[in-house]
Protein backbone atom coordinates (compact mmCIF):
# COMPACT_ATOMS: atom_id res chain seq x y z
CA MET A 1 -0.13 -0.02 0.19
CA GLY A 2 1.42 3.45 -1.05
CA THR A 3 4.43 4.46 -2.60
CA GLY A 4 5.83 1.57 -5.52
CA ARG A 5 2.77 -0.45 -3.81
CA SER A 6 -0.31 -1.57 -4.82
CA TRP A 7 -3.55 -0.88 -3.34
CA ARG A 8 -6.34 -3.34 -2.55
CA ASP A 9 -9.95 -2.53 -1.28
CA GLY A 10 -10.25 -3.39 2.25
CA ASP A 11 -10.24 -1.44 5.66
CA ALA A 12 -7.66 0.59 7.54
CA VAL A 13 -6.68 3.15 9.53
CA LEU A 14 -5.95 7.02 8.83
CA HIS A 15 -2.98 9.20 10.32
CA ALA A 16 -3.76 12.45 9.55
CA PRO A 17 -2.35 15.75 11.63
CA GLY A 18 -5.28 15.78 13.94
CA ALA A 19 -6.86 12.25 14.66
CA ARG A 20 -6.96 8.52 13.79
CA VAL A 21 -9.57 7.81 11.61
CA PRO A 22 -11.36 4.99 10.07
CA LEU A 23 -10.68 4.43 6.61
CA ARG A 24 -12.13 2.10 3.71
CA ILE A 25 -10.03 1.70 0.88
CA ALA A 26 -11.24 1.90 -2.27
CA ALA A 27 -8.66 0.47 -4.75
CA SER A 28 -10.98 -1.79 -7.84
CA TYR A 29 -12.32 -0.06 -10.66
CA ARG A 30 -15.93 -1.18 -9.11
CA ALA A 31 -14.78 0.02 -5.69
CA ARG A 32 -13.95 3.87 -6.52
CA THR A 33 -16.99 3.55 -9.35
CA ARG A 34 -19.59 3.22 -6.30
CA GLY A 35 -17.55 5.71 -3.71
CA LEU A 36 -20.19 7.40 -1.53
CA LEU A 37 -23.41 6.98 -3.53
CA GLY A 38 -26.37 6.25 -2.36
CA ARG A 39 -24.71 6.50 0.86
CA ASP A 40 -26.55 8.58 3.89
CA GLY A 41 -23.43 9.63 5.42
CA ILE A 42 -20.00 8.23 6.74
CA GLU A 43 -18.01 7.41 9.48
CA GLY A 44 -14.43 8.50 8.47
CA ALA A 45 -12.75 8.21 5.37
CA LEU A 46 -13.03 7.07 1.79
CA LEU A 47 -9.31 7.42 -0.20
CA LEU A 48 -10.15 6.48 -3.58
CA THR A 49 -7.09 5.33 -5.84
CA PRO A 50 -5.47 5.83 -8.28
CA ALA A 51 -7.69 9.00 -8.69
CA GLY A 52 -7.18 12.31 -9.73
CA SER A 53 -11.01 14.05 -9.70
CA VAL A 54 -14.12 13.00 -8.60
CA HIS A 55 -17.51 14.19 -8.50
CA THR A 56 -21.45 14.78 -6.58
CA VAL A 57 -23.35 13.76 -9.14
CA ARG A 58 -26.55 11.63 -7.72
CA MET A 59 -24.55 11.99 -4.08
CA ARG A 60 -26.69 12.56 -1.19
CA PHE A 61 -24.34 14.84 0.90
CA ALA A 62 -21.91 17.44 0.60
CA ILE A 63 -18.23 15.99 1.04
CA ASP A 64 -14.91 17.43 1.98
CA VAL A 65 -12.25 16.05 -0.97
CA ALA A 66 -8.64 16.57 -0.37
CA TYR A 67 -6.21 15.47 -3.53
CA LEU A 68 -3.02 13.71 -2.31
CA ASP A 69 -0.21 13.08 -4.23
CA ARG A 70 1.90 9.24 -4.26
CA ARG A 71 3.43 10.71 -0.87
CA LEU A 72 0.33 11.02 0.09
CA ARG A 73 1.18 15.26 1.30
CA VAL A 74 -2.09 17.01 0.70
CA LEU A 75 -2.13 18.91 -2.91
CA ALA A 76 -5.48 20.47 -2.49
CA VAL A 77 -8.84 20.31 -0.69
CA ARG A 78 -12.40 20.97 -1.08
CA THR A 79 -15.62 21.35 0.52
CA MET A 80 -17.73 19.62 -2.77
CA ARG A 81 -22.32 20.02 -2.17
CA PRO A 82 -23.61 16.92 -3.70
CA GLY A 83 -24.78 17.79 -8.12
CA ARG A 84 -20.77 19.11 -8.28
CA LEU A 85 -18.36 18.12 -10.89
CA GLY A 86 -14.27 18.36 -9.98
CA LEU A 87 -11.63 19.26 -12.02
CA PRO A 88 -8.69 16.72 -12.20
CA ARG A 89 -5.92 18.00 -10.08
CA PRO A 90 -2.54 17.40 -11.71
CA ARG A 91 -0.03 15.32 -9.90
CA SER A 92 -3.18 13.77 -7.83
CA ARG A 93 -2.70 10.04 -7.60
CA HIS A 94 -5.20 9.16 -4.81
CA VAL A 95 -8.80 11.01 -3.40
CA LEU A 96 -9.72 11.60 0.32
CA GLU A 97 -13.17 11.83 1.02
CA ALA A 98 -15.36 12.78 3.67
CA GLU A 99 -18.49 14.31 5.70
CA ALA A 100 -18.30 18.60 4.75
CA GLY A 101 -16.70 19.82 8.24
CA ALA A 102 -14.61 16.57 8.77
CA PHE A 103 -10.76 17.98 7.61
CA ALA A 104 -11.39 20.62 9.15
CA ARG A 105 -11.41 19.24 12.66
CA TRP A 106 -8.71 16.39 11.45
CA GLY A 107 -6.36 18.74 10.47
CA VAL A 108 -6.39 17.65 7.11
CA VAL A 109 -4.89 20.53 5.15
CA ARG A 110 -3.25 21.59 2.06
CA GLY A 111 0.90 20.57 2.70
CA ALA A 112 -0.31 17.69 5.27
CA VAL A 113 1.59 14.34 5.07
CA LEU A 114 -0.84 11.65 6.33
CA GLU A 115 0.05 8.05 6.33
CA VAL A 116 -2.74 4.78 6.14
CA ALA A 117 -2.07 1.92 8.73
CA PRO A 118 -3.88 -1.22 9.38
CA VAL A 119 -6.71 -1.37 11.30
CA ASP A 120 -4.96 -2.70 14.31
CA GLY A 121 -2.95 0.71 14.48
CA ALA A 122 -0.30 -0.81 13.35
CA PRO A 123 2.17 1.70 10.64
CA ALA A 124 1.89 -0.47 7.45
CA GLU A 125 5.17 -1.17 5.14
CA GLY A 126 5.03 2.04 1.93
CA THR A 127 2.55 3.92 3.12
CA GLY A 128 4.42 7.30 4.64
CA PRO A 129 6.55 9.54 2.79
CA ARG A 130 9.72 8.22 1.74
């Protein structure tokens, strides 16, 4: 998982500057396509990988969106209302989504470096900066 690694669908933990958050990884085409569609909310966050842009067409709630580079550094953060199309972001390799307002609580801001770990909380090989 991470730089130079193969990502897989599944559960993990997101280590953000101000929080440890339940994370769902969507790495397969099917999981990325489904994303948060049809849901009324999300506990934690969803990581789409690979991804460089997202949309909120047919979504039921506003979301925070963070565009991440290969090293999981936050390139940009946006809040998107339902029915919007996001522009592709140069250098973005992953997109992190959560309910609107969550990133402010977690400290997910431009320039922050995030880490993804297995559910048990131990750092996973290849999931942080190099």
